[in-house]
Amino acid sequence: MAYSMTYESLLTDVRRYLERGFTVESDQIVYEQLPRLVTLGERRIARELKIEGFIRAVTTPLTSGVSVYRKPDRWRDTVSMTVSGSPIFARSYEYCRSYWPDESARAAPEFYADYDYQHWLITPTPNAASTIEILYYEQPRFLGDDFQTNWLTEYAPDLLLYATLLEATPFLKNDERVQLWQAMYDRAAQALSGEDMKRVMDRTAARSEA
């Protein structure tokens, strides 16, 4: 039977590995810190890995005359954009402003850029209402008492465990364990990235044979 991780089982595993934080009465500081360390581990993984499991697709209306659009919650990086079935291309903010300096002028969109961390800039300013499809890497919803599982607990429980232990080690000033947890984390991350690459190659081969 495959191992099934939940937020609660992850906390239990981390306590056993650390041999700390089993109860609030016996080890209050570590007990209360463990949920924060899990979140830090989740952030580390999403920051360092770009894998298929973190990709999400959204569609949103594109409004004539509007060039700035809000990014989804938990956005981390953009993969691609398509407007009414045709791709538009990533460029720098400076390029987009130089290419289309008059924001009030309108034409079919060709490019996009990060306007800031929470918004995109689309240029030229859209000249008609349409739909934009966006693929992006997200930060998966953080685990907690009210959210026991996510993509990581289902598909990469070992990676999540080692990421949490890696975050816990400096907190506990247990520096001699950093190298061990880093090696285990790196191995799990490399295996996951390798699986991701194999899926991409298999899809590419299948399309070539079609």
N, C-alpha and C. Protein backbone atom coordinates (compact mmCIF):
# COMPACT_ATOMS: atom_id res chain seq x y z
N MET A 1 0.84 -1.19 0.00
CA MET A 1 0.00 0.00 0.00
C MET A 1 0.88 1.24 0.00
N ALA A 2 0.59 2.19 -0.89
CA ALA A 2 1.40 3.40 -1.01
C ALA A 2 1.25 4.27 0.23
N TYR A 3 2.33 4.95 0.57
CA TYR A 3 2.31 5.86 1.71
C TYR A 3 1.49 7.09 1.37
N SER A 4 0.59 7.44 2.26
CA SER A 4 -0.27 8.62 2.05
C SER A 4 0.03 9.64 3.14
N MET A 5 0.59 10.77 2.73
CA MET A 5 0.94 11.82 3.69
C MET A 5 -0.21 12.80 3.86
N THR A 6 -0.40 13.27 5.07
CA THR A 6 -1.27 14.39 5.38
C THR A 6 -0.46 15.41 6.17
N TYR A 7 -1.04 16.56 6.40
CA TYR A 7 -0.37 17.58 7.20
C TYR A 7 -0.05 17.03 8.59
N GLU A 8 -1.01 16.33 9.20
CA GLU A 8 -0.79 15.80 10.54
C GLU A 8 0.27 14.72 10.54
N SER A 9 0.27 13.84 9.52
CA SER A 9 1.30 12.80 9.50
C SER A 9 2.67 13.39 9.23
N LEU A 10 2.73 14.46 8.44
CA LEU A 10 4.01 15.14 8.21
C LEU A 10 4.55 15.70 9.53
N LEU A 11 3.71 16.36 10.32
CA LEU A 11 4.16 16.88 11.60
C LEU A 11 4.67 15.75 12.50
N THR A 12 3.95 14.63 12.50
CA THR A 12 4.38 13.48 13.30
C THR A 12 5.75 12.98 12.85
N ASP A 13 5.93 12.85 11.53
CA ASP A 13 7.22 12.38 11.00
C ASP A 13 8.35 13.33 11.37
N VAL A 14 8.11 14.64 11.23
CA VAL A 14 9.15 15.62 11.54
C VAL A 14 9.53 15.54 13.02
N ARG A 15 8.55 15.39 13.89
CA ARG A 15 8.84 15.28 15.32
C ARG A 15 9.70 14.05 15.61
N ARG A 16 9.40 12.96 14.92
CA ARG A 16 10.17 11.73 15.14
C ARG A 16 11.61 11.88 14.64
N TYR A 17 11.77 12.50 13.49
CA TYR A 17 13.12 12.72 12.97
C TYR A 17 13.92 13.64 13.89
N LEU A 18 13.26 14.70 14.37
CA LEU A 18 13.95 15.68 15.21
C LEU A 18 14.08 15.22 16.65
N GLU A 19 13.18 14.30 17.05
CA GLU A 19 13.07 13.89 18.44
C GLU A 19 12.80 15.08 19.34
N ARG A 20 11.95 15.96 18.84
CA ARG A 20 11.59 17.20 19.54
C ARG A 20 10.15 17.55 19.21
N GLY A 21 9.53 18.36 20.07
CA GLY A 21 8.25 18.98 19.78
C GLY A 21 7.05 18.08 19.83
N PHE A 22 7.10 17.02 20.63
CA PHE A 22 5.98 16.07 20.66
C PHE A 22 4.74 16.65 21.33
N THR A 23 4.92 17.45 22.37
CA THR A 23 3.79 18.08 23.05
C THR A 23 4.13 19.52 23.38
N VAL A 24 3.09 20.34 23.52
CA VAL A 24 3.32 21.73 23.86
C VAL A 24 3.86 21.86 25.28
N GLU A 25 3.49 20.92 26.16
CA GLU A 25 3.95 20.98 27.54
C GLU A 25 5.44 20.67 27.65
N SER A 26 5.91 19.70 26.88
CA SER A 26 7.30 19.27 27.02
C SER A 26 8.28 20.09 26.19
N ASP A 27 7.79 20.73 25.10
CA ASP A 27 8.71 21.41 24.17
C ASP A 27 7.93 22.50 23.42
N GLN A 28 7.50 23.51 24.13
CA GLN A 28 6.57 24.48 23.57
C GLN A 28 7.12 25.20 22.34
N ILE A 29 8.36 25.64 22.38
CA ILE A 29 8.92 26.43 21.29
C ILE A 29 8.94 25.63 19.99
N VAL A 30 9.47 24.41 20.03
CA VAL A 30 9.54 23.59 18.82
C VAL A 30 8.14 23.18 18.38
N TYR A 31 7.29 22.80 19.31
CA TYR A 31 5.91 22.39 18.98
C TYR A 31 5.19 23.49 18.22
N GLU A 32 5.33 24.73 18.68
CA GLU A 32 4.63 25.84 18.04
C GLU A 32 5.30 26.28 16.75
N GLN A 33 6.58 26.00 16.59
CA GLN A 33 7.31 26.43 15.40
C GLN A 33 7.13 25.48 14.22
N LEU A 34 6.81 24.22 14.46
CA LEU A 34 6.75 23.23 13.39
C LEU A 34 5.81 23.62 12.24
N PRO A 35 4.61 24.13 12.47
CA PRO A 35 3.77 24.53 11.33
C PRO A 35 4.43 25.60 10.46
N ARG A 36 5.16 26.52 11.07
CA ARG A 36 5.86 27.56 10.30
C ARG A 36 6.98 26.94 9.47
N LEU A 37 7.66 25.94 10.02
CA LEU A 37 8.74 25.28 9.29
C LEU A 37 8.20 24.51 8.09
N VAL A 38 7.02 23.92 8.23
CA VAL A 38 6.39 23.25 7.08
C VAL A 38 6.12 24.27 5.97
N THR A 39 5.58 25.41 6.34
CA THR A 39 5.30 26.46 5.35
C THR A 39 6.58 26.93 4.68
N LEU A 40 7.64 27.10 5.46
CA LEU A 40 8.92 27.50 4.87
C LEU A 40 9.43 26.43 3.89
N GLY A 41 9.24 25.16 4.24
CA GLY A 41 9.62 24.09 3.34
C GLY A 41 8.83 24.12 2.04
N GLU A 42 7.53 24.38 2.14
CA GLU A 42 6.70 24.48 0.94
C GLU A 42 7.15 25.65 0.07
N ARG A 43 7.47 26.76 0.69
CA ARG A 43 7.96 27.92 -0.06
C ARG A 43 9.29 27.61 -0.76
N ARG A 44 10.17 26.92 -0.07
CA ARG A 44 11.47 26.56 -0.65
C ARG A 44 11.26 25.73 -1.92
N ILE A 45 10.40 24.72 -1.85
CA ILE A 45 10.17 23.84 -3.00
C ILE A 45 9.60 24.62 -4.18
N ALA A 46 8.59 25.44 -3.93
CA ALA A 46 7.97 26.20 -5.02
C ALA A 46 8.93 27.21 -5.62
N ARG A 47 9.83 27.74 -4.80
CA ARG A 47 10.82 28.72 -5.29
C ARG A 47 11.90 28.05 -6.13
N GLU A 48 12.30 26.84 -5.76
CA GLU A 48 13.46 26.21 -6.38
C GLU A 48 13.11 25.26 -7.53
N LEU A 49 11.87 24.77 -7.58
CA LEU A 49 11.51 23.80 -8.60
C LEU A 49 10.40 24.34 -9.51
N LYS A 50 10.59 24.14 -10.80
CA LYS A 50 9.54 24.42 -11.78
C LYS A 50 9.16 23.10 -12.42
N ILE A 51 8.09 22.52 -11.91
CA ILE A 51 7.66 21.21 -12.36
C ILE A 51 6.20 21.27 -12.79
N GLU A 52 5.81 20.25 -13.55
CA GLU A 52 4.48 20.25 -14.14
C GLU A 52 3.37 20.31 -13.10
N GLY A 53 3.61 19.70 -11.94
CA GLY A 53 2.59 19.69 -10.90
C GLY A 53 2.25 21.06 -10.36
N PHE A 54 3.12 22.05 -10.58
CA PHE A 54 2.87 23.40 -10.09
C PHE A 54 2.25 24.31 -11.16
N ILE A 55 2.01 23.77 -12.37
CA ILE A 55 1.45 24.58 -13.45
C ILE A 55 -0.08 24.63 -13.33
N ARG A 56 -0.63 25.81 -13.47
CA ARG A 56 -2.07 26.00 -13.49
C ARG A 56 -2.46 26.78 -14.74
N ALA A 57 -3.68 26.57 -15.19
CA ALA A 57 -4.22 27.29 -16.34
C ALA A 57 -5.45 28.08 -15.91
N VAL A 58 -5.51 29.33 -16.33
CA VAL A 58 -6.68 30.16 -16.06
C VAL A 58 -7.07 30.88 -17.34
N THR A 59 -8.32 31.20 -17.47
CA THR A 59 -8.78 32.06 -18.55
C THR A 59 -9.45 33.28 -17.93
N THR A 60 -9.28 34.41 -18.57
CA THR A 60 -9.86 35.65 -18.06
C THR A 60 -10.24 36.55 -19.22
N PRO A 61 -11.27 37.35 -19.06
CA PRO A 61 -11.65 38.25 -20.16
C PRO A 61 -10.57 39.29 -20.42
N LEU A 62 -10.33 39.57 -21.68
CA LEU A 62 -9.45 40.65 -22.10
C LEU A 62 -10.34 41.79 -22.56
N THR A 63 -10.19 42.95 -21.95
CA THR A 63 -11.10 44.06 -22.17
C THR A 63 -10.47 45.10 -23.10
N SER A 64 -11.22 45.53 -24.07
CA SER A 64 -10.74 46.56 -24.98
C SER A 64 -10.36 47.82 -24.20
N GLY A 65 -9.15 48.34 -24.46
CA GLY A 65 -8.69 49.57 -23.82
C GLY A 65 -8.02 49.37 -22.49
N VAL A 66 -7.95 48.14 -21.99
CA VAL A 66 -7.32 47.86 -20.70
C VAL A 66 -6.05 47.06 -20.93
N SER A 67 -4.91 47.57 -20.43
CA SER A 67 -3.62 46.93 -20.71
C SER A 67 -2.99 46.27 -19.49
N VAL A 68 -3.50 46.52 -18.28
CA VAL A 68 -2.91 45.96 -17.07
C VAL A 68 -3.91 44.98 -16.44
N TYR A 69 -3.43 43.76 -16.12
CA TYR A 69 -4.29 42.70 -15.60
C TYR A 69 -3.67 42.07 -14.36
N ARG A 70 -4.53 41.71 -13.42
CA ARG A 70 -4.06 41.17 -12.15
C ARG A 70 -3.68 39.70 -12.30
N LYS A 71 -2.59 39.32 -11.66
CA LYS A 71 -2.16 37.93 -11.66
C LYS A 71 -2.99 37.12 -10.65
N PRO A 72 -3.07 35.80 -10.86
CA PRO A 72 -3.81 34.96 -9.90
C PRO A 72 -3.11 34.93 -8.54
N ASP A 73 -3.88 34.60 -7.52
CA ASP A 73 -3.29 34.38 -6.19
C ASP A 73 -2.27 33.25 -6.27
N ARG A 74 -1.20 33.39 -5.55
CA ARG A 74 -0.13 32.39 -5.45
C ARG A 74 0.64 32.23 -6.76
N TRP A 75 0.55 33.20 -7.66
CA TRP A 75 1.37 33.19 -8.88
C TRP A 75 2.84 33.28 -8.50
N ARG A 76 3.68 32.51 -9.24
CA ARG A 76 5.12 32.61 -9.05
C ARG A 76 5.86 32.95 -10.34
N ASP A 77 5.43 32.39 -11.47
CA ASP A 77 6.10 32.68 -12.73
C ASP A 77 5.14 32.33 -13.87
N THR A 78 5.25 33.05 -14.98
CA THR A 78 4.37 32.84 -16.12
C THR A 78 5.01 31.86 -17.09
N VAL A 79 4.20 30.93 -17.61
CA VAL A 79 4.66 29.98 -18.62
C VAL A 79 4.33 30.49 -20.01
N SER A 80 3.06 30.83 -20.25
CA SER A 80 2.66 31.29 -21.58
C SER A 80 1.33 32.00 -21.50
N MET A 81 1.02 32.76 -22.56
CA MET A 81 -0.28 33.40 -22.72
C MET A 81 -0.77 33.21 -24.15
N THR A 82 -2.07 33.01 -24.28
CA THR A 82 -2.70 32.85 -25.58
C THR A 82 -3.96 33.71 -25.61
N VAL A 83 -4.09 34.52 -26.65
CA VAL A 83 -5.25 35.38 -26.81
C VAL A 83 -6.07 34.87 -27.98
N SER A 84 -7.28 34.42 -27.68
CA SER A 84 -8.18 33.88 -28.72
C SER A 84 -7.49 32.85 -29.60
N GLY A 85 -6.70 31.97 -28.98
CA GLY A 85 -6.05 30.90 -29.69
C GLY A 85 -4.69 31.22 -30.27
N SER A 86 -4.26 32.47 -30.23
CA SER A 86 -2.96 32.86 -30.78
C SER A 86 -2.02 33.26 -29.65
N PRO A 87 -0.78 32.74 -29.64
CA PRO A 87 0.14 33.07 -28.55
C PRO A 87 0.60 34.53 -28.62
N ILE A 88 0.80 35.12 -27.45
CA ILE A 88 1.52 36.38 -27.35
C ILE A 88 2.80 36.08 -26.57
N PHE A 89 3.80 36.94 -26.69
CA PHE A 89 5.15 36.57 -26.29
C PHE A 89 5.68 37.43 -25.15
N ALA A 90 6.49 36.79 -24.29
CA ALA A 90 7.06 37.48 -23.13
C ALA A 90 8.17 38.43 -23.57
N ARG A 91 8.12 39.64 -23.04
CA ARG A 91 9.15 40.64 -23.26
C ARG A 91 9.38 41.39 -21.95
N SER A 92 10.42 42.18 -21.88
CA SER A 92 10.66 42.99 -20.69
C SER A 92 9.65 44.13 -20.63
N TYR A 93 9.48 44.66 -19.43
CA TYR A 93 8.59 45.82 -19.26
C TYR A 93 9.05 46.98 -20.13
N GLU A 94 10.37 47.21 -20.15
CA GLU A 94 10.91 48.34 -20.92
C GLU A 94 10.65 48.16 -22.41
N TYR A 95 10.78 46.92 -22.90
CA TYR A 95 10.52 46.66 -24.31
C TYR A 95 9.06 46.97 -24.65
N CYS A 96 8.14 46.50 -23.81
CA CYS A 96 6.72 46.72 -24.08
C CYS A 96 6.38 48.20 -24.08
N ARG A 97 6.94 48.95 -23.15
CA ARG A 97 6.66 50.39 -23.10
C ARG A 97 7.24 51.10 -24.32
N SER A 98 8.42 50.67 -24.74
CA SER A 98 9.04 51.28 -25.91
C SER A 98 8.29 50.91 -27.18
N TYR A 99 7.84 49.66 -27.25
CA TYR A 99 7.13 49.20 -28.44
C TYR A 99 5.78 49.88 -28.59
N TRP A 100 5.10 50.13 -27.45
CA TRP A 100 3.75 50.72 -27.48
C TRP A 100 3.67 51.84 -26.45
N PRO A 101 4.30 52.99 -26.73
CA PRO A 101 4.37 54.06 -25.73
C PRO A 101 3.04 54.74 -25.43
N ASP A 102 2.14 54.75 -26.41
CA ASP A 102 0.84 55.40 -26.22
C ASP A 102 -0.18 54.36 -25.78
N GLU A 103 -0.43 54.30 -24.47
CA GLU A 103 -1.31 53.27 -23.92
C GLU A 103 -2.75 53.44 -24.40
N SER A 104 -3.11 54.63 -24.82
CA SER A 104 -4.48 54.86 -25.28
C SER A 104 -4.72 54.33 -26.70
N ALA A 105 -3.66 54.13 -27.46
CA ALA A 105 -3.79 53.55 -28.80
C ALA A 105 -4.05 52.05 -28.67
N ARG A 106 -4.83 51.48 -29.58
CA ARG A 106 -5.26 50.10 -29.46
C ARG A 106 -4.93 49.28 -30.71
N ALA A 107 -4.61 48.00 -30.48
CA ALA A 107 -4.35 47.07 -31.58
C ALA A 107 -4.42 45.66 -31.00
N ALA A 108 -4.22 44.67 -31.85
CA ALA A 108 -4.23 43.28 -31.38
C ALA A 108 -3.02 43.03 -30.49
N PRO A 109 -3.19 42.43 -29.31
CA PRO A 109 -2.06 42.17 -28.40
C PRO A 109 -1.01 41.27 -29.03
N GLU A 110 0.26 41.58 -28.74
CA GLU A 110 1.38 40.79 -29.24
C GLU A 110 2.32 40.33 -28.13
N PHE A 111 2.44 41.12 -27.04
CA PHE A 111 3.44 40.85 -26.02
C PHE A 111 2.84 41.03 -24.62
N TYR A 112 3.54 40.45 -23.64
CA TYR A 112 3.19 40.69 -22.24
C TYR A 112 4.47 40.82 -21.43
N ALA A 113 4.34 41.48 -20.28
CA ALA A 113 5.48 41.66 -19.37
C ALA A 113 4.96 41.75 -17.94
N ASP A 114 5.85 41.52 -16.98
CA ASP A 114 5.50 41.76 -15.58
C ASP A 114 5.43 43.26 -15.35
N TYR A 115 4.25 43.74 -14.99
CA TYR A 115 4.08 45.15 -14.63
C TYR A 115 4.61 45.39 -13.22
N ASP A 116 4.23 44.50 -12.32
CA ASP A 116 4.81 44.40 -10.98
C ASP A 116 4.54 42.97 -10.52
N TYR A 117 4.76 42.66 -9.25
CA TYR A 117 4.60 41.28 -8.80
C TYR A 117 3.17 40.80 -8.90
N GLN A 118 2.21 41.71 -8.90
CA GLN A 118 0.80 41.33 -8.88
C GLN A 118 0.06 41.60 -10.18
N HIS A 119 0.73 42.18 -11.19
CA HIS A 119 0.04 42.54 -12.43
C HIS A 119 0.90 42.25 -13.65
N TRP A 120 0.21 42.03 -14.79
CA TRP A 120 0.86 41.95 -16.09
C TRP A 120 0.52 43.19 -16.92
N LEU A 121 1.41 43.51 -17.84
CA LEU A 121 1.16 44.53 -18.85
C LEU A 121 1.01 43.83 -20.19
N ILE A 122 -0.08 44.12 -20.92
CA ILE A 122 -0.33 43.57 -22.24
C ILE A 122 -0.15 44.68 -23.27
N THR A 123 0.64 44.42 -24.31
CA THR A 123 0.82 45.41 -25.38
C THR A 123 0.72 44.72 -26.74
N PRO A 124 0.21 45.44 -27.73
CA PRO A 124 -0.49 46.71 -27.63
C PRO A 124 -1.73 46.63 -26.73
N THR A 125 -2.23 47.77 -26.32
CA THR A 125 -3.48 47.81 -25.57
C THR A 125 -4.57 47.15 -26.41
N PRO A 126 -5.28 46.16 -25.85
CA PRO A 126 -6.26 45.41 -26.66
C PRO A 126 -7.28 46.31 -27.35
N ASN A 127 -7.57 45.96 -28.60
CA ASN A 127 -8.53 46.75 -29.39
C ASN A 127 -9.90 46.10 -29.46
N ALA A 128 -10.05 44.94 -28.80
CA ALA A 128 -11.35 44.26 -28.81
C ALA A 128 -11.45 43.34 -27.61
N ALA A 129 -12.66 43.08 -27.18
CA ALA A 129 -12.89 42.14 -26.09
C ALA A 129 -12.60 40.73 -26.59
N SER A 130 -11.90 39.95 -25.78
CA SER A 130 -11.60 38.57 -26.14
C SER A 130 -11.28 37.80 -24.85
N THR A 131 -10.68 36.64 -25.00
CA THR A 131 -10.33 35.82 -23.84
C THR A 131 -8.85 35.50 -23.88
N ILE A 132 -8.22 35.58 -22.74
CA ILE A 132 -6.80 35.24 -22.64
C ILE A 132 -6.65 34.01 -21.76
N GLU A 133 -5.89 33.01 -22.24
CA GLU A 133 -5.57 31.83 -21.46
C GLU A 133 -4.13 31.95 -20.98
N ILE A 134 -3.94 31.71 -19.69
CA ILE A 134 -2.63 31.90 -19.06
C ILE A 134 -2.21 30.61 -18.37
N LEU A 135 -1.01 30.14 -18.68
CA LEU A 135 -0.38 29.06 -17.94
C LEU A 135 0.67 29.67 -17.03
N TYR A 136 0.68 29.26 -15.76
CA TYR A 136 1.63 29.84 -14.82
C TYR A 136 1.99 28.84 -13.74
N TYR A 137 3.17 29.04 -13.14
CA TYR A 137 3.57 28.27 -11.97
C TYR A 137 2.99 28.93 -10.73
N GLU A 138 2.38 28.11 -9.87
CA GLU A 138 1.79 28.66 -8.66
C GLU A 138 2.51 28.13 -7.42
N GLN A 139 2.36 28.85 -6.33
CA GLN A 139 2.70 28.35 -5.01
C GLN A 139 1.50 27.54 -4.54
N PRO A 140 1.61 26.20 -4.41
CA PRO A 140 0.44 25.44 -3.95
C PRO A 140 -0.09 25.97 -2.63
N ARG A 141 -1.37 25.80 -2.43
CA ARG A 141 -1.98 26.25 -1.17
C ARG A 141 -1.26 25.60 0.00
N PHE A 142 -0.97 26.41 1.01
CA PHE A 142 -0.20 25.92 2.14
C PHE A 142 -1.02 24.95 3.00
N LEU A 143 -0.33 23.94 3.49
CA LEU A 143 -0.95 22.97 4.38
C LEU A 143 -1.28 23.59 5.73
N GLY A 144 -2.24 22.99 6.41
CA GLY A 144 -2.62 23.46 7.74
C GLY A 144 -3.67 22.54 8.31
N ASP A 145 -4.13 22.85 9.51
CA ASP A 145 -5.14 22.01 10.16
C ASP A 145 -6.39 21.88 9.30
N ASP A 146 -6.72 22.94 8.56
CA ASP A 146 -7.93 22.92 7.74
C ASP A 146 -7.67 22.54 6.29
N PHE A 147 -6.42 22.18 5.96
CA PHE A 147 -6.08 21.80 4.58
C PHE A 147 -4.97 20.75 4.68
N GLN A 148 -5.39 19.50 4.71
CA GLN A 148 -4.49 18.42 5.09
C GLN A 148 -3.61 17.88 3.96
N THR A 149 -4.03 18.04 2.72
CA THR A 149 -3.26 17.49 1.60
C THR A 149 -3.17 18.49 0.47
N ASN A 150 -2.10 18.39 -0.30
CA ASN A 150 -1.96 19.16 -1.54
C ASN A 150 -1.12 18.33 -2.52
N TRP A 151 -0.68 18.94 -3.60
CA TRP A 151 0.06 18.19 -4.62
C TRP A 151 1.32 17.57 -4.04
N LEU A 152 1.99 18.27 -3.15
CA LEU A 152 3.24 17.76 -2.58
C LEU A 152 3.02 16.55 -1.69
N THR A 153 1.99 16.57 -0.87
CA THR A 153 1.74 15.41 0.00
C THR A 153 1.39 14.18 -0.82
N GLU A 154 0.77 14.38 -1.99
CA GLU A 154 0.34 13.25 -2.80
C GLU A 154 1.46 12.71 -3.69
N TYR A 155 2.25 13.62 -4.29
CA TYR A 155 3.22 13.19 -5.29
C TYR A 155 4.68 13.32 -4.87
N ALA A 156 4.96 14.11 -3.85
CA ALA A 156 6.36 14.30 -3.43
C ALA A 156 6.47 14.39 -1.91
N PRO A 157 5.94 13.40 -1.18
CA PRO A 157 5.99 13.48 0.29
C PRO A 157 7.41 13.48 0.84
N ASP A 158 8.33 12.73 0.19
CA ASP A 158 9.71 12.70 0.67
C ASP A 158 10.36 14.06 0.52
N LEU A 159 10.11 14.74 -0.60
CA LEU A 159 10.67 16.07 -0.83
C LEU A 159 10.17 17.05 0.23
N LEU A 160 8.89 16.99 0.53
CA LEU A 160 8.31 17.89 1.53
C LEU A 160 8.87 17.62 2.91
N LEU A 161 9.05 16.36 3.25
CA LEU A 161 9.63 16.01 4.54
C LEU A 161 11.05 16.57 4.67
N TYR A 162 11.89 16.34 3.66
CA TYR A 162 13.28 16.80 3.74
C TYR A 162 13.38 18.32 3.70
N ALA A 163 12.48 18.97 2.96
CA ALA A 163 12.47 20.43 2.95
C ALA A 163 12.15 20.98 4.33
N THR A 164 11.19 20.35 5.02
CA THR A 164 10.83 20.80 6.36
C THR A 164 11.98 20.56 7.34
N LEU A 165 12.61 19.41 7.24
CA LEU A 165 13.76 19.12 8.12
C LEU A 165 14.91 20.07 7.84
N LEU A 166 15.08 20.43 6.58
CA LEU A 166 16.15 21.37 6.22
C LEU A 166 15.88 22.74 6.81
N GLU A 167 14.62 23.14 6.86
CA GLU A 167 14.27 24.42 7.50
C GLU A 167 14.39 24.34 9.01
N ALA A 168 14.14 23.16 9.56
CA ALA A 168 14.17 23.02 11.02
C ALA A 168 15.58 23.02 11.59
N THR A 169 16.54 22.52 10.81
CA THR A 169 17.89 22.33 11.34
C THR A 169 18.55 23.62 11.81
N PRO A 170 18.56 24.71 11.02
CA PRO A 170 19.15 25.95 11.53
C PRO A 170 18.38 26.50 12.75
N PHE A 171 17.05 26.32 12.75
CA PHE A 171 16.26 26.79 13.88
C PHE A 171 16.69 26.10 15.16
N LEU A 172 17.00 24.82 15.05
CA LEU A 172 17.41 24.05 16.22
C LEU A 172 18.91 24.15 16.49
N LYS A 173 19.62 24.92 15.62
CA LYS A 173 21.07 25.09 15.75
C LYS A 173 21.78 23.73 15.70
N ASN A 174 21.24 22.84 14.86
CA ASN A 174 21.80 21.50 14.70
C ASN A 174 22.55 21.45 13.36
N ASP A 175 23.60 22.24 13.26
CA ASP A 175 24.26 22.47 11.98
C ASP A 175 24.84 21.21 11.35
N GLU A 176 25.20 20.22 12.16
CA GLU A 176 25.81 19.03 11.60
C GLU A 176 24.81 18.21 10.76
N ARG A 177 23.51 18.49 10.90
CA ARG A 177 22.51 17.77 10.12
C ARG A 177 22.15 18.46 8.81
N VAL A 178 22.61 19.69 8.64
CA VAL A 178 22.25 20.44 7.43
C VAL A 178 22.68 19.71 6.18
N GLN A 179 23.92 19.22 6.16
CA GLN A 179 24.46 18.56 4.97
C GLN A 179 23.65 17.31 4.63
N LEU A 180 23.24 16.55 5.64
CA LEU A 180 22.46 15.34 5.41
C LEU A 180 21.11 15.67 4.78
N TRP A 181 20.37 16.60 5.41
CA TRP A 181 19.04 16.92 4.89
C TRP A 181 19.13 17.59 3.52
N GLN A 182 20.18 18.38 3.30
CA GLN A 182 20.36 19.00 1.99
C GLN A 182 20.58 17.93 0.92
N ALA A 183 21.38 16.93 1.23
CA ALA A 183 21.64 15.86 0.26
C ALA A 183 20.37 15.07 -0.03
N MET A 184 19.58 14.78 0.99
CA MET A 184 18.34 14.04 0.79
C MET A 184 17.33 14.87 0.00
N TYR A 185 17.27 16.15 0.33
CA TYR A 185 16.38 17.07 -0.41
C TYR A 185 16.79 17.15 -1.87
N ASP A 186 18.09 17.33 -2.13
CA ASP A 186 18.58 17.44 -3.50
C ASP A 186 18.29 16.17 -4.30
N ARG A 187 18.46 15.02 -3.68
CA ARG A 187 18.20 13.76 -4.38
C ARG A 187 16.73 13.62 -4.74
N ALA A 188 15.84 13.97 -3.78
CA ALA A 188 14.41 13.89 -4.06
C ALA A 188 14.00 14.89 -5.13
N ALA A 189 14.59 16.10 -5.08
CA ALA A 189 14.27 17.13 -6.07
C ALA A 189 14.73 16.71 -7.46
N GLN A 190 15.93 16.13 -7.55
CA GLN A 190 16.44 15.68 -8.84
C GLN A 190 15.60 14.56 -9.42
N ALA A 191 15.15 13.65 -8.57
CA ALA A 191 14.30 12.55 -9.03
C ALA A 191 12.97 13.09 -9.57
N LEU A 192 12.40 14.04 -8.86
CA LEU A 192 11.13 14.62 -9.29
C LEU A 192 11.30 15.38 -10.60
N SER A 193 12.37 16.15 -10.71
CA SER A 193 12.62 16.88 -11.96
C SER A 193 12.88 15.92 -13.11
N GLY A 194 13.56 14.80 -12.83
CA GLY A 194 13.80 13.80 -13.86
C GLY A 194 12.53 13.17 -14.36
N GLU A 195 11.60 12.87 -13.45
CA GLU A 195 10.30 12.33 -13.85
C GLU A 195 9.55 13.35 -14.72
N ASP A 196 9.65 14.60 -14.34
CA ASP A 196 8.99 15.67 -15.10
C ASP A 196 9.56 15.75 -16.51
N MET A 197 10.88 15.71 -16.62
CA MET A 197 11.52 15.77 -17.94
C MET A 197 11.15 14.57 -18.80
N LYS A 198 11.06 13.40 -18.20
CA LYS A 198 10.68 12.20 -18.95
C LYS A 198 9.28 12.34 -19.52
N ARG A 199 8.34 12.89 -18.75
CA ARG A 199 6.99 13.08 -19.26
C ARG A 199 6.99 14.03 -20.45
N VAL A 200 7.79 15.11 -20.36
CA VAL A 200 7.87 16.06 -21.47
C VAL A 200 8.42 15.37 -22.71
N MET A 201 9.48 14.58 -22.53
CA MET A 201 10.09 13.90 -23.67
C MET A 201 9.14 12.87 -24.27
N ASP A 202 8.40 12.15 -23.43
CA ASP A 202 7.44 11.16 -23.92
C ASP A 202 6.33 11.83 -24.74
N ARG A 203 5.86 12.98 -24.27
CA ARG A 203 4.81 13.70 -25.02
C ARG A 203 5.36 14.19 -26.35
N THR A 204 6.59 14.69 -26.34
CA THR A 204 7.20 15.19 -27.58
C THR A 204 7.35 14.06 -28.59
N ALA A 205 7.79 12.89 -28.10
CA ALA A 205 7.95 11.73 -28.98
C ALA A 205 6.61 11.27 -29.54
N ALA A 206 5.58 11.29 -28.70
CA ALA A 206 4.26 10.86 -29.15
C ALA A 206 3.71 11.79 -30.23
N ARG A 207 3.96 13.10 -30.06
CA ARG A 207 3.50 14.04 -31.08
C ARG A 207 4.26 13.85 -32.39
N SER A 208 5.54 13.51 -32.30
CA SER A 208 6.35 13.31 -33.50
C SER A 208 5.89 12.09 -34.29
N GLU A 209 5.41 11.06 -33.54
CA GLU A 209 4.96 9.84 -34.18
C GLU A 209 3.55 9.94 -34.76
N ALA A 210 2.80 10.95 -34.29
CA ALA A 210 1.40 11.09 -34.73
C ALA A 210 1.31 11.48 -36.21
